[in-house]
Amino acid sequence: MATTAMTPVATLARPNPIGICFKEAKYEFLKCLRLPIYLVSTIVFPVMFYVLFGLIMGKQSIGGIGTTTYLIPAYGTFGVMGASLFGTAAGLAADRGLGWLQVKKASPMPPFAYFFAKVVMSMIFSAMDVILLLVLGFVFGGVHLSATVTLKLVLILVAGSLPFCAMGLAIGYFAGPTSAPALINIFYLPMSFCSGLWMPFMFLPKFIQKIAVVLPPYHLSQLAFHLVGLDSGIAPARHWEALAGFAMICLGIAWMGHQRDQRANA
């Protein structure tokens, strides 16, 4: 009696979308960690400015609080902006120029994993920046904040990176690989100055103060200033609403850029 040989059938394991997302975020983080220009623009500059204007030259008070305390929310916001904008816009523009997005689209990786990795990486570097400023302030600047205030400050600034990640996606979909850094700075530096991150808001000219209230860095920095004892008189909920509205507008622009790329590569 003839017997039929049973041939085992190979089965492929179903990929875990969550695991893929975090693995993509891990390698995105390692990639940026090895880029000196990214580290300089997101970590070194805010820390250098804090050491110079806070620890070395900051012997007076601003708005009733010490300069070393005042500059942590200011340069923390500045660092969060840099980490988010350069992490998303520059990376996305470069990947689009190299055709890397098309390669990822053809792979089994979930489409949202790429953007998840960009956002997580930006939030990690944002947290690193804020924590470094706090450590310098506590150890060398005589800053005294409670553990609760310190934790809230870190969480608010890191959460505040999300609108700037959305802005980075909007820029990255419309900028070229070589023009992206210059385009980022066109928004990044003027917004920082007009929002009172380099010069105290109360010292800015009146017409710039009027511009500041529509800029997202102003609203994020005011949330942070509120925690250290500097109240602008505007309810925190209004600042969150402004940041959320800005993020939605930027995501809409990014979606239009994404659709444009999809039609071009169809």
Protein backbone atom coordinates (compact mmCIF):
# COMPACT_ATOMS: atom_id res chain seq x y z
CA MET A 1 0.00 0.00 0.00
CA ALA A 2 1.51 3.26 -1.07
CA THR A 3 1.92 5.92 1.53
CA THR A 4 1.77 9.60 0.82
CA ALA A 5 4.61 11.64 2.25
CA MET A 6 3.46 14.64 4.18
CA THR A 7 5.46 17.74 3.28
CA PRO A 8 5.52 20.32 6.06
CA VAL A 9 4.23 23.69 4.94
CA ALA A 10 6.24 26.69 6.09
CA THR A 11 4.19 29.40 7.75
CA LEU A 12 5.26 32.98 8.16
CA ALA A 13 4.75 34.64 11.49
CA ARG A 14 2.44 37.62 11.38
CA PRO A 15 4.45 40.80 12.01
CA ASN A 16 3.76 42.66 15.23
CA PRO A 17 2.89 46.29 14.28
CA ILE A 18 3.72 47.63 17.75
CA GLY A 19 7.08 45.88 17.80
CA ILE A 20 7.87 47.21 14.32
CA CYS A 21 7.01 50.76 15.40
CA PHE A 22 9.33 50.68 18.38
CA LYS A 23 12.11 49.00 16.42
CA GLU A 24 11.84 51.71 13.77
CA ALA A 25 11.95 54.33 16.55
CA LYS A 26 15.05 52.68 18.02
CA TYR A 27 16.99 52.85 14.76
CA GLU A 28 15.76 56.39 14.06
CA PHE A 29 17.10 57.43 17.45
CA LEU A 30 20.46 55.74 16.84
CA LYS A 31 20.71 57.36 13.40
CA CYS A 32 20.21 60.86 14.82
CA LEU A 33 22.51 60.12 17.74
CA ARG A 34 25.31 59.55 15.22
CA LEU A 35 24.68 62.80 13.32
CA PRO A 36 26.88 65.56 14.80
CA ILE A 37 24.95 68.34 13.05
CA TYR A 38 21.69 67.16 14.63
CA LEU A 39 23.19 66.94 18.12
CA VAL A 40 24.72 70.40 17.81
CA SER A 41 21.49 72.04 16.67
CA THR A 42 19.25 70.33 19.21
CA ILE A 43 21.38 69.73 22.32
CA VAL A 44 24.59 71.74 22.21
CA PHE A 45 23.13 75.13 21.23
CA PRO A 46 20.46 75.37 23.97
CA VAL A 47 22.90 74.11 26.62
CA MET A 48 25.64 76.47 25.41
CA PHE A 49 23.27 79.46 25.50
CA TYR A 50 22.10 78.50 29.00
CA VAL A 51 25.67 78.24 30.29
CA LEU A 52 26.64 81.58 28.74
CA PHE A 53 23.58 83.71 29.49
CA GLY A 54 22.37 81.88 32.56
CA LEU A 55 25.28 80.49 34.52
CA ILE A 56 28.01 82.95 33.50
CA MET A 57 26.17 86.22 32.85
CA GLY A 58 22.84 85.67 34.59
CA LYS A 59 23.28 87.30 37.99
CA GLN A 60 20.05 89.33 37.98
CA SER A 61 16.36 88.43 38.07
CA ILE A 62 13.71 88.57 35.32
CA GLY A 63 10.08 89.06 36.21
CA GLY A 64 10.78 88.34 39.86
CA ILE A 65 12.58 85.02 39.33
CA GLY A 66 16.29 84.27 38.88
CA THR A 67 17.74 84.28 35.40
CA THR A 68 18.91 80.68 35.73
CA THR A 69 15.32 79.64 36.50
CA TYR A 70 13.78 81.87 33.82
CA LEU A 71 16.00 80.54 31.05
CA ILE A 72 15.12 76.87 31.60
CA PRO A 73 11.59 77.24 30.12
CA ALA A 74 12.93 79.63 27.46
CA TYR A 75 15.81 77.49 26.21
CA GLY A 76 13.84 74.31 26.92
CA THR A 77 11.23 75.47 24.42
CA PHE A 78 14.00 76.46 22.01
CA GLY A 79 15.57 73.00 22.26
CA VAL A 80 12.24 71.22 21.87
CA MET A 81 11.55 73.18 18.69
CA GLY A 82 14.95 72.30 17.25
CA ALA A 83 14.71 68.60 18.09
CA SER A 84 11.24 68.34 16.56
CA LEU A 85 11.72 70.44 13.44
CA PHE A 86 15.12 69.09 12.43
CA GLY A 87 14.22 65.54 13.45
CA THR A 88 11.10 65.39 11.30
CA ALA A 89 11.45 67.96 8.49
CA ALA A 90 15.09 67.37 7.57
CA GLY A 91 14.78 63.59 7.84
CA LEU A 92 11.56 63.41 5.85
CA ALA A 93 12.88 65.70 3.10
CA ALA A 94 16.06 63.62 2.81
CA ASP A 95 14.14 60.32 2.70
CA ARG A 96 11.79 61.68 0.04
CA GLY A 97 14.73 62.84 -2.06
CA LEU A 98 16.46 59.47 -1.83
CA GLY A 99 13.29 57.51 -2.61
CA TRP A 100 13.50 55.83 0.78
CA LEU A 101 9.80 56.35 1.44
CA GLN A 102 8.96 54.30 -1.64
CA VAL A 103 11.16 51.46 -0.38
CA LYS A 104 9.42 51.50 2.99
CA LYS A 105 6.03 51.61 1.30
CA ALA A 106 6.88 48.40 -0.57
CA SER A 107 7.97 46.67 2.65
CA PRO A 108 5.63 44.94 5.15
CA MET A 109 6.21 47.78 7.61
CA PRO A 110 2.98 49.62 8.60
CA PRO A 111 2.95 53.09 6.97
CA PHE A 112 2.42 54.86 10.31
CA ALA A 113 5.56 53.26 11.82
CA TYR A 114 7.80 55.68 9.91
CA PHE A 115 6.05 58.74 11.31
CA PHE A 116 5.73 57.19 14.77
CA ALA A 117 9.50 56.72 14.83
CA LYS A 118 10.12 60.36 13.87
CA VAL A 119 7.83 61.64 16.63
CA VAL A 120 9.22 59.32 19.32
CA MET A 121 12.80 60.20 18.41
CA SER A 122 11.99 63.92 18.58
CA MET A 123 10.35 63.51 21.97
CA ILE A 124 13.34 61.60 23.33
CA PHE A 125 15.78 64.31 22.26
CA SER A 126 13.41 66.97 23.59
CA ALA A 127 13.41 65.23 26.98
CA MET A 128 17.20 64.97 26.93
CA ASP A 129 17.49 68.68 26.23
CA VAL A 130 15.13 69.73 29.04
CA ILE A 131 16.70 67.35 31.55
CA LEU A 132 20.21 68.63 30.75
CA LEU A 133 19.08 72.22 31.32
CA LEU A 134 17.47 71.27 34.63
CA VAL A 135 20.58 69.41 35.80
CA LEU A 136 22.77 72.41 34.98
CA GLY A 137 20.34 74.73 36.75
CA PHE A 138 20.10 72.58 39.88
CA VAL A 139 23.81 71.83 40.16
CA PHE A 140 25.41 75.11 39.06
CA GLY A 141 22.65 77.73 38.85
CA GLY A 142 21.03 77.57 42.26
CA VAL A 143 17.64 76.63 40.77
CA HIS A 144 15.14 75.33 43.32
CA LEU A 145 12.05 73.59 41.97
CA SER A 146 9.97 70.95 43.67
CA ALA A 147 9.94 67.42 42.30
CA THR A 148 6.34 67.89 41.16
CA VAL A 149 7.09 71.12 39.30
CA THR A 150 10.19 69.59 37.72
CA LEU A 151 8.26 66.58 36.47
CA LYS A 152 5.43 68.75 35.13
CA LEU A 153 7.96 71.00 33.37
CA VAL A 154 9.55 68.04 31.59
CA LEU A 155 6.19 66.53 30.63
CA ILE A 156 4.74 69.80 29.32
CA LEU A 157 7.77 70.65 27.20
CA VAL A 158 8.05 67.12 25.81
CA ALA A 159 4.31 67.03 25.03
CA GLY A 160 4.76 70.44 23.43
CA SER A 161 7.09 68.89 20.89
CA LEU A 162 4.10 67.32 19.09
CA PRO A 163 2.89 70.51 17.33
CA PHE A 164 6.42 71.14 16.11
CA CYS A 165 6.68 67.55 14.86
CA ALA A 166 3.51 68.26 12.87
CA MET A 167 5.10 71.45 11.55
CA GLY A 168 8.21 69.46 10.63
CA LEU A 169 6.13 67.00 8.61
CA ALA A 170 4.49 69.88 6.77
CA ILE A 171 7.89 71.37 5.92
CA GLY A 172 9.42 67.99 5.05
CA TYR A 173 6.76 67.23 2.45
CA PHE A 174 7.36 70.47 0.56
CA ALA A 175 11.13 70.99 1.02
CA GLY A 176 13.94 69.39 -0.92
CA PRO A 177 16.77 67.44 0.73
CA THR A 178 19.25 70.32 0.44
CA SER A 179 16.84 73.19 1.07
CA ALA A 180 15.17 71.71 4.16
CA PRO A 181 17.70 72.95 6.79
CA ALA A 182 17.58 76.51 5.43
CA LEU A 183 13.78 76.45 5.27
CA ILE A 184 13.59 75.14 8.84
CA ASN A 185 15.77 78.00 10.08
CA ILE A 186 13.59 80.54 8.27
CA PHE A 187 10.78 79.51 10.62
CA TYR A 188 12.77 78.31 13.64
CA LEU A 189 14.94 81.34 14.40
CA PRO A 190 12.44 84.21 13.85
CA MET A 191 9.74 82.36 15.79
CA SER A 192 12.16 81.82 18.67
CA PHE A 193 13.07 85.51 18.84
CA CYS A 194 9.52 86.82 18.44
CA SER A 195 8.20 84.42 21.10
CA GLY A 196 10.55 85.76 23.76
CA LEU A 197 12.89 82.77 23.94
CA TRP A 198 16.06 84.82 23.41
CA MET A 199 14.90 88.06 24.97
CA PRO A 200 12.30 88.29 27.77
CA PHE A 201 8.87 88.82 26.33
CA MET A 202 8.23 91.99 28.37
CA PHE A 203 11.31 93.62 26.79
CA LEU A 204 10.23 92.98 23.20
CA PRO A 205 8.82 95.86 21.12
CA LYS A 206 5.04 96.13 21.27
CA PHE A 207 4.49 95.16 17.64
CA ILE A 208 6.52 91.97 18.14
CA GLN A 209 4.52 91.15 21.26
CA LYS A 210 1.38 91.27 19.13
CA ILE A 211 2.97 88.87 16.65
CA ALA A 212 4.08 86.51 19.44
CA VAL A 213 0.58 85.64 20.61
CA VAL A 214 -0.10 83.78 17.34
CA LEU A 215 3.15 81.81 17.44
CA PRO A 216 3.25 78.29 18.94
CA PRO A 217 6.60 78.74 20.78
CA TYR A 218 5.06 81.60 22.75
CA HIS A 219 2.21 79.41 23.96
CA LEU A 220 4.46 76.48 24.89
CA SER A 221 6.94 78.72 26.72
CA GLN A 222 4.11 80.43 28.62
CA LEU A 223 2.89 77.05 29.86
CA ALA A 224 6.41 76.36 31.13
CA PHE A 225 6.84 79.84 32.62
CA HIS A 226 3.57 79.42 34.51
CA LEU A 227 5.08 76.45 36.35
CA VAL A 228 8.12 78.41 37.56
CA GLY A 229 6.07 81.33 38.84
CA LEU A 230 5.73 83.68 35.87
CA ASP A 231 2.06 84.09 34.98
CA SER A 232 1.03 85.76 31.72
CA GLY A 233 -2.58 86.15 32.85
CA ILE A 234 -3.86 83.77 30.16
CA ALA A 235 -5.44 80.48 31.23
CA PRO A 236 -3.26 77.43 30.40
CA ALA A 237 -6.18 75.89 28.51
CA ARG A 238 -5.99 78.73 25.98
CA HIS A 239 -2.34 77.96 25.32
CA TRP A 240 -3.12 74.25 24.81
CA GLU A 241 -5.95 75.17 22.43
CA ALA A 242 -3.59 77.33 20.38
CA LEU A 243 -1.00 74.54 20.18
CA ALA A 244 -3.63 71.95 19.22
CA GLY A 245 -5.04 74.23 16.51
CA PHE A 246 -1.57 74.86 15.12
CA ALA A 247 -0.85 71.12 15.07
CA MET A 248 -4.06 70.38 13.17
CA ILE A 249 -3.28 73.02 10.55
CA CYS A 250 0.23 71.61 10.05
CA LEU A 251 -1.08 68.04 9.81
CA GLY A 252 -3.52 69.19 7.15
CA ILE A 253 -0.69 70.73 5.15
CA ALA A 254 1.40 67.59 5.61
CA TRP A 255 -1.51 65.46 4.38
CA MET A 256 -1.75 67.58 1.23
CA GLY A 257 1.97 67.09 0.64
CA HIS A 258 1.61 63.35 1.19
CA GLN A 259 -1.24 63.15 -1.31
CA ARG A 260 0.80 65.14 -3.82
CA ASP A 261 3.67 62.66 -3.48
CA GLN A 262 1.28 59.72 -3.86
CA ARG A 263 -0.08 61.10 -7.14
CA ALA A 264 3.44 61.84 -8.43
CA ASN A 265 4.62 58.28 -7.70
CA ALA A 266 1.45 56.51 -8.88
